[in-house]
Amino acid sequence: MLSRVADSLYWMCRYIERAENIARFLNVNYNLVLDNVNTNGAVEGVQWEPIISVTGDLADFMNQRGVATRENVIDYLAFDPNYAHSIIACLRSARENARCVREILPTELWEQINRIYLRVEDAAQISSLRMEPGSFFMDIVRESALFSGIASTTMTHDDGWHFCRLGNMIERADKTSRIVDVKYFYLLPSTEDVGSTLDNLQWSALLKSVSALQAYRQTYGLIEPAKVLSLLLLNREFPRAVRYCIDRMLTSLYAISGAHPNTFSNRAERKCGQLAAGLTYASIDDIVLGGVHEYIDKLQQKLNDVGLAIFEQFFAIQKQVIIPDSMFQGK
């Protein structure tokens, strides 16, 4: 397969997954704010700035918008065409990558990409969505799930499909870890609030944001932070867990290269295998003891290393050229 084609497929699916996860990200905070206001009358503004902080673009946001109100944050992360990681910009980039490989995409998949993009373009013109965006966010989640289902059932599961899954899984792993970080680090209540109604509402909202509440209830029962972390970081069967995503990435890398499992034939397989092994032998007790925020920071750096290795192995024309990390935010 041509590296140009593989690159476009990888980023097409990565951008779709990114748009979905931004919608999930915003939806969980929107619901948290509503629950918080209903529970204790708290001012909602204090809970929107952390959402920007965790993206790493707080300085840019403050320079453009000034204050982190609900309307400003939603407009910036969902509808700002000039912000590269907004929902509308991600879908535009996904469609452009799809256009580059239009001749090999199933017609149904191409139509679905256009359908999602046009829906968001139309929604961007409706100002009231900034104030009551819940149904819009869930529409994006459903349309993205439909995209994944169409891709899985209409594409031949060859190298092209595996590059799609690589993009999908690495983006999902990164965003799941960031959603956990928002709750555990940025929205963590004071010590006396741990275990309170508000704390439980926040953990429940987090689980809902990754469609994990029912899976959690069936597995663990009552909400306990350590068990939530175990499900979302280390579970090997839940489809949005970080470990699940990394395992699927490694399987796809082996399928592309033809290497035997538990070995490696290139740097991407080695980096991904090391990350998978670390998650396999990780302990939630050790993660909590060492600091969840610190663990997630290191996890995200390792994901960046895997993304860089994938780029160098499969997409770069000159593999020895050192590329700045910022270039791996998108194609």
Protein backbone atom coordinates (compact mmCIF):
# COMPACT_ATOMS: atom_id res chain seq x y z
CA MET A 1 0.00 0.00 0.00
CA LEU A 2 1.25 3.50 -0.84
CA SER A 3 2.29 5.49 2.24
CA ARG A 4 0.13 8.39 0.97
CA VAL A 5 -2.96 6.18 1.01
CA ALA A 6 -2.14 4.67 4.40
CA ASP A 7 -1.54 8.15 5.83
CA SER A 8 -4.90 9.45 4.60
CA LEU A 9 -6.82 6.45 5.95
CA TYR A 10 -5.07 6.70 9.31
CA TRP A 11 -5.87 10.40 9.72
CA MET A 12 -9.38 10.11 8.31
CA CYS A 13 -10.34 7.74 11.11
CA ARG A 14 -8.28 9.54 13.73
CA TYR A 15 -10.06 12.82 13.01
CA ILE A 16 -13.50 11.18 13.15
CA GLU A 17 -12.62 9.64 16.52
CA ARG A 18 -11.26 12.99 17.73
CA ALA A 19 -14.48 14.79 16.81
CA GLU A 20 -16.53 12.15 18.63
CA ASN A 21 -14.41 12.38 21.75
CA ILE A 22 -14.53 16.18 21.85
CA ALA A 23 -18.33 15.85 21.73
CA ARG A 24 -18.17 13.34 24.60
CA PHE A 25 -15.78 15.64 26.46
CA LEU A 26 -18.11 18.62 26.17
CA ASN A 27 -21.21 16.59 26.93
CA VAL A 28 -19.86 15.20 30.20
CA ASN A 29 -18.94 18.68 31.40
CA TYR A 30 -22.29 20.11 30.31
CA ASN A 31 -24.08 17.44 32.34
CA LEU A 32 -21.68 17.87 35.29
CA VAL A 33 -22.43 21.58 35.38
CA LEU A 34 -26.18 20.97 35.31
CA ASP A 35 -25.92 18.41 38.12
CA ASN A 36 -23.67 20.72 40.12
CA VAL A 37 -26.04 23.67 39.81
CA ASN A 38 -29.04 21.50 40.65
CA THR A 39 -27.25 20.00 43.66
CA ASN A 40 -25.70 23.03 45.35
CA GLY A 41 -26.32 26.06 43.20
CA ALA A 42 -22.63 26.43 42.23
CA VAL A 43 -21.65 28.90 39.56
CA GLU A 44 -21.04 26.97 36.36
CA GLY A 45 -18.25 29.18 34.99
CA VAL A 46 -15.59 27.64 37.23
CA GLN A 47 -16.11 24.25 35.58
CA TRP A 48 -15.58 25.27 31.96
CA GLU A 49 -12.00 26.54 32.10
CA PRO A 50 -10.57 23.11 33.05
CA ILE A 51 -11.94 21.68 29.79
CA ILE A 52 -9.77 24.12 27.87
CA SER A 53 -6.81 23.56 30.20
CA VAL A 54 -6.69 19.85 29.52
CA THR A 55 -6.50 20.45 25.76
CA GLY A 56 -3.28 22.42 26.23
CA ASP A 57 -4.72 25.42 24.39
CA LEU A 58 -5.80 27.62 27.31
CA ALA A 59 -3.50 30.52 26.34
CA ASP A 60 -4.86 30.58 22.79
CA PHE A 61 -8.43 30.40 24.07
CA MET A 62 -7.95 33.23 26.56
CA ASN A 63 -6.29 35.35 23.91
CA GLN A 64 -9.29 34.92 21.60
CA ARG A 65 -12.26 34.61 23.97
CA GLY A 66 -11.16 36.16 27.26
CA VAL A 67 -13.43 34.24 29.63
CA ALA A 68 -14.39 30.55 29.81
CA THR A 69 -18.18 30.73 29.75
CA ARG A 70 -20.29 27.82 28.54
CA GLU A 71 -21.10 29.57 25.27
CA ASN A 72 -17.47 30.54 24.58
CA VAL A 73 -16.04 27.10 25.34
CA ILE A 74 -18.65 25.24 23.31
CA ASP A 75 -18.27 27.61 20.36
CA TYR A 76 -14.48 27.27 20.47
CA LEU A 77 -14.28 23.48 20.82
CA ALA A 78 -17.24 22.60 18.61
CA PHE A 79 -17.71 25.24 15.94
CA ASP A 80 -14.58 27.37 15.55
CA PRO A 81 -13.28 26.60 12.02
CA ASN A 82 -9.92 28.25 12.82
CA TYR A 83 -9.19 26.08 15.86
CA ALA A 84 -7.56 22.95 14.45
CA HIS A 85 -9.02 20.60 17.07
CA SER A 86 -12.63 21.78 17.07
CA ILE A 87 -15.32 19.32 16.03
CA ILE A 88 -16.01 21.12 12.76
CA ALA A 89 -12.29 21.44 11.90
CA CYS A 90 -11.68 17.74 12.66
CA LEU A 91 -14.55 16.68 10.43
CA ARG A 92 -13.35 18.98 7.66
CA SER A 93 -9.88 17.38 7.89
CA ALA A 94 -11.41 13.89 7.95
CA ARG A 95 -13.38 14.66 4.80
CA GLU A 96 -10.29 16.05 3.06
CA ASN A 97 -8.30 12.92 3.87
CA ALA A 98 -11.21 10.80 2.66
CA ARG A 99 -11.32 12.79 -0.57
CA CYS A 100 -7.65 11.95 -1.17
CA VAL A 101 -8.49 8.22 -1.18
CA ARG A 102 -12.03 8.51 -2.55
CA GLU A 103 -11.38 5.86 -5.20
CA ILE A 104 -10.83 3.10 -2.62
CA LEU A 105 -13.49 4.08 -0.08
CA PRO A 106 -16.88 2.36 -0.07
CA THR A 107 -19.56 4.76 -1.28
CA GLU A 108 -21.50 4.36 1.97
CA LEU A 109 -18.48 5.47 4.00
CA TRP A 110 -17.85 8.53 1.84
CA GLU A 111 -21.50 9.53 2.13
CA GLN A 112 -21.41 9.15 5.92
CA ILE A 113 -18.39 11.45 6.27
CA ASN A 114 -20.17 14.10 4.23
CA ARG A 115 -23.37 13.62 6.20
CA ILE A 116 -21.61 14.24 9.55
CA TYR A 117 -19.72 17.27 8.27
CA LEU A 118 -22.77 18.93 6.73
CA ARG A 119 -24.78 18.33 9.91
CA VAL A 120 -22.17 20.14 11.98
CA GLU A 121 -21.93 22.96 9.44
CA ASP A 122 -25.69 23.47 9.72
CA ALA A 123 -25.57 23.27 13.52
CA ALA A 124 -22.84 25.93 13.66
CA GLN A 125 -25.39 28.46 12.39
CA ILE A 126 -27.80 27.79 15.27
CA SER A 127 -26.70 30.04 18.13
CA SER A 128 -29.05 28.44 20.66
CA LEU A 129 -26.99 25.24 20.54
CA ARG A 130 -24.27 26.95 22.58
CA MET A 131 -26.67 27.11 25.51
CA GLU A 132 -28.43 23.73 25.19
CA PRO A 133 -26.08 21.48 23.21
CA GLY A 134 -26.77 18.07 24.78
CA SER A 135 -28.70 16.54 21.87
CA PHE A 136 -26.19 17.88 19.35
CA PHE A 137 -23.27 16.21 21.15
CA MET A 138 -25.08 12.89 21.24
CA ASP A 139 -25.87 13.20 17.52
CA ILE A 140 -22.13 13.48 16.83
CA VAL A 141 -21.45 10.41 18.97
CA ARG A 142 -24.11 8.38 17.13
CA GLU A 143 -22.99 9.51 13.68
CA SER A 144 -19.40 8.62 14.53
CA ALA A 145 -20.49 5.18 15.73
CA LEU A 146 -22.37 4.76 12.45
CA PHE A 147 -19.20 5.70 10.56
CA SER A 148 -17.23 3.03 12.46
CA GLY A 149 -19.91 0.43 11.81
CA ILE A 150 -20.01 1.21 8.08
CA ALA A 151 -16.20 1.06 7.88
CA SER A 152 -16.11 -2.29 9.68
CA THR A 153 -18.82 -3.87 7.50
CA THR A 154 -17.97 -2.43 4.06
CA MET A 155 -14.16 -2.27 3.99
CA THR A 156 -12.04 -5.31 3.26
CA HIS A 157 -10.07 -6.02 6.44
CA ASP A 158 -6.70 -5.63 4.76
CA ASP A 159 -3.84 -3.20 5.42
CA GLY A 160 -6.06 -0.20 4.69
CA TRP A 161 -8.58 -1.21 7.33
CA HIS A 162 -5.79 -1.81 9.85
CA PHE A 163 -4.42 1.69 9.26
CA CYS A 164 -7.93 2.98 9.91
CA ARG A 165 -8.04 1.06 13.17
CA LEU A 166 -4.61 2.36 14.18
CA GLY A 167 -5.83 5.94 13.85
CA ASN A 168 -9.09 5.18 15.61
CA MET A 169 -7.53 3.36 18.56
CA ILE A 170 -4.62 5.71 19.30
CA GLU A 171 -6.98 8.69 19.32
CA ARG A 172 -9.50 6.90 21.53
CA ALA A 173 -6.83 5.86 24.04
CA ASP A 174 -5.54 9.43 24.27
CA LYS A 175 -8.97 10.98 24.73
CA THR A 176 -10.16 8.41 27.28
CA SER A 177 -7.11 9.22 29.39
CA ARG A 178 -7.82 12.96 29.08
CA ILE A 179 -11.45 12.52 30.15
CA VAL A 180 -10.23 10.67 33.25
CA ASP A 181 -7.70 13.44 33.89
CA VAL A 182 -10.39 16.13 33.80
CA LYS A 183 -12.35 14.42 36.58
CA TYR A 184 -9.45 13.27 38.71
CA PHE A 185 -7.22 16.33 38.51
CA TYR A 186 -9.16 19.37 37.33
CA LEU A 187 -12.59 18.67 38.83
CA LEU A 188 -11.52 16.77 41.96
CA PRO A 189 -13.55 18.07 44.90
CA SER A 190 -11.98 19.15 48.19
CA THR A 191 -11.07 16.36 50.61
CA GLU A 192 -14.32 16.66 52.52
CA ASP A 193 -16.33 16.28 49.30
CA VAL A 194 -14.80 12.92 48.30
CA GLY A 195 -17.56 10.32 48.37
CA SER A 196 -20.25 13.00 48.46
CA THR A 197 -23.28 13.23 46.18
CA LEU A 198 -21.41 15.67 43.94
CA ASP A 199 -18.37 13.40 43.72
CA ASN A 200 -20.53 10.41 42.77
CA LEU A 201 -22.42 12.48 40.20
CA GLN A 202 -19.13 13.46 38.58
CA TRP A 203 -17.87 9.87 38.39
CA SER A 204 -21.21 8.71 36.98
CA ALA A 205 -21.14 11.48 34.38
CA LEU A 206 -17.60 10.50 33.41
CA LEU A 207 -18.69 6.88 32.89
CA LYS A 208 -21.67 8.03 30.82
CA SER A 209 -19.39 10.16 28.64
CA VAL A 210 -17.57 7.03 27.45
CA SER A 211 -20.73 4.86 27.39
CA ALA A 212 -19.35 2.87 30.31
CA LEU A 213 -21.87 3.30 33.12
CA GLN A 214 -23.79 0.09 32.44
CA ALA A 215 -20.59 -1.91 31.92
CA TYR A 216 -19.27 -0.55 35.21
CA ARG A 217 -22.47 -1.32 37.13
CA GLN A 218 -22.53 -4.88 35.80
CA THR A 219 -18.90 -5.45 36.74
CA TYR A 220 -18.44 -3.52 39.99
CA GLY A 221 -21.77 -2.24 41.31
CA LEU A 222 -21.39 0.88 43.46
CA ILE A 223 -19.25 3.77 42.22
CA GLU A 224 -15.69 3.69 43.58
CA PRO A 225 -12.99 5.88 41.98
CA ALA A 226 -10.30 3.19 41.93
CA LYS A 227 -12.63 0.77 40.16
CA VAL A 228 -13.63 3.42 37.62
CA LEU A 229 -9.94 3.96 36.88
CA SER A 230 -9.42 0.21 36.56
CA LEU A 231 -12.22 -0.06 33.99
CA LEU A 232 -11.14 2.91 31.88
CA LEU A 233 -7.37 2.43 32.00
CA LEU A 234 -6.60 -1.27 32.45
CA ASN A 235 -9.60 -3.30 31.31
CA ARG A 236 -8.78 -5.49 28.33
CA GLU A 237 -12.40 -6.11 27.24
CA PHE A 238 -14.16 -2.72 27.43
CA PRO A 239 -13.86 -1.07 23.97
CA ARG A 240 -13.03 2.43 25.22
CA ALA A 241 -10.48 1.37 27.83
CA VAL A 242 -6.90 2.46 27.17
CA ARG A 243 -5.53 -1.08 27.44
CA TYR A 244 -8.13 -2.43 25.00
CA CYS A 245 -7.16 0.27 22.47
CA ILE A 246 -3.43 -0.41 22.77
CA ASP A 247 -3.94 -4.17 22.38
CA ARG A 248 -5.91 -3.59 19.15
CA MET A 249 -3.24 -1.23 17.87
CA LEU A 250 -0.57 -3.85 18.41
CA THR A 251 -2.68 -6.47 16.63
CA SER A 252 -3.07 -4.16 13.63
CA LEU A 253 0.65 -3.37 13.55
CA TYR A 254 1.41 -7.10 13.43
CA ALA A 255 -1.17 -7.58 10.68
CA ILE A 256 0.42 -4.83 8.57
CA SER A 257 4.02 -5.99 8.98
CA GLY A 258 3.39 -9.73 9.18
CA ALA A 259 5.49 -9.96 12.34
CA HIS A 260 4.88 -12.70 14.88
CA PRO A 261 3.05 -11.60 18.06
CA ASN A 262 5.28 -10.98 21.10
CA THR A 263 8.12 -9.90 18.84
CA PHE A 264 8.78 -6.69 16.90
CA SER A 265 10.04 -5.91 13.43
CA ASN A 266 10.04 -2.12 13.65
CA ARG A 267 10.12 0.74 16.14
CA ALA A 268 6.35 1.24 16.07
CA GLU A 269 5.74 -2.35 17.17
CA ARG A 270 8.42 -2.06 19.86
CA LYS A 271 7.01 1.17 21.31
CA CYS A 272 3.42 -0.10 21.20
CA GLY A 273 4.46 -3.44 22.70
CA GLN A 274 6.27 -1.72 25.56
CA LEU A 275 3.19 0.38 26.29
CA ALA A 276 0.93 -2.69 26.15
CA ALA A 277 3.23 -4.58 28.54
CA GLY A 278 3.26 -1.66 30.97
CA LEU A 279 -0.55 -1.60 31.04
CA THR A 280 -0.72 -5.39 31.41
CA TYR A 281 1.38 -5.35 34.58
CA ALA A 282 0.13 -2.05 35.99
CA SER A 283 -1.73 -1.93 39.30
CA ILE A 284 -4.42 0.62 40.14
CA ASP A 285 -3.07 0.83 43.69
CA ASP A 286 0.37 1.77 42.34
CA ILE A 287 -1.16 4.28 39.90
CA VAL A 288 -3.13 6.01 42.68
CA LEU A 289 -0.13 5.96 45.02
CA GLY A 290 2.13 7.51 42.39
CA GLY A 291 -0.46 10.07 41.32
CA VAL A 292 -3.15 9.57 38.68
CA HIS A 293 -2.46 12.87 36.93
CA GLU A 294 1.26 12.10 36.76
CA TYR A 295 0.56 8.60 35.42
CA ILE A 296 -1.73 9.95 32.71
CA ASP A 297 0.86 12.56 31.71
CA LYS A 298 3.42 9.78 31.17
CA LEU A 299 0.84 7.63 29.38
CA GLN A 300 0.05 10.43 26.93
CA GLN A 301 3.75 10.96 26.25
CA LYS A 302 4.12 7.26 25.47
CA LEU A 303 1.12 7.47 23.12
CA ASN A 304 2.84 10.39 21.39
CA ASP A 305 5.97 8.25 21.05
CA VAL A 306 3.92 5.47 19.44
CA GLY A 307 2.31 8.00 17.06
CA LEU A 308 5.75 9.34 16.11
CA ALA A 309 7.05 5.80 15.51
CA ILE A 310 4.04 5.00 13.27
CA PHE A 311 4.70 8.17 11.28
CA GLU A 312 8.39 7.38 10.84
CA GLN A 313 7.79 3.74 9.94
CA PHE A 314 4.91 4.07 7.50
CA PHE A 315 4.36 7.67 6.40
CA ALA A 316 7.62 9.64 6.44
CA ILE A 317 9.57 9.94 3.22
CA GLN A 318 12.82 10.53 5.11
CA LYS A 319 12.59 8.47 8.27
CA GLN A 320 15.72 9.95 9.83
CA VAL A 321 14.36 13.50 9.90
CA ILE A 322 13.38 14.60 13.42
CA ILE A 323 9.83 15.93 13.36
CA PRO A 324 8.51 18.26 16.13
CA ASP A 325 5.75 16.75 18.29
CA SER A 326 3.35 19.53 17.26
CA MET A 327 3.16 18.07 13.78
CA PHE A 328 1.49 14.96 15.13
CA GLN A 329 -1.61 16.85 16.13
CA GLY A 330 -2.94 16.27 12.65
CA LYS A 331 -2.33 15.95 8.94
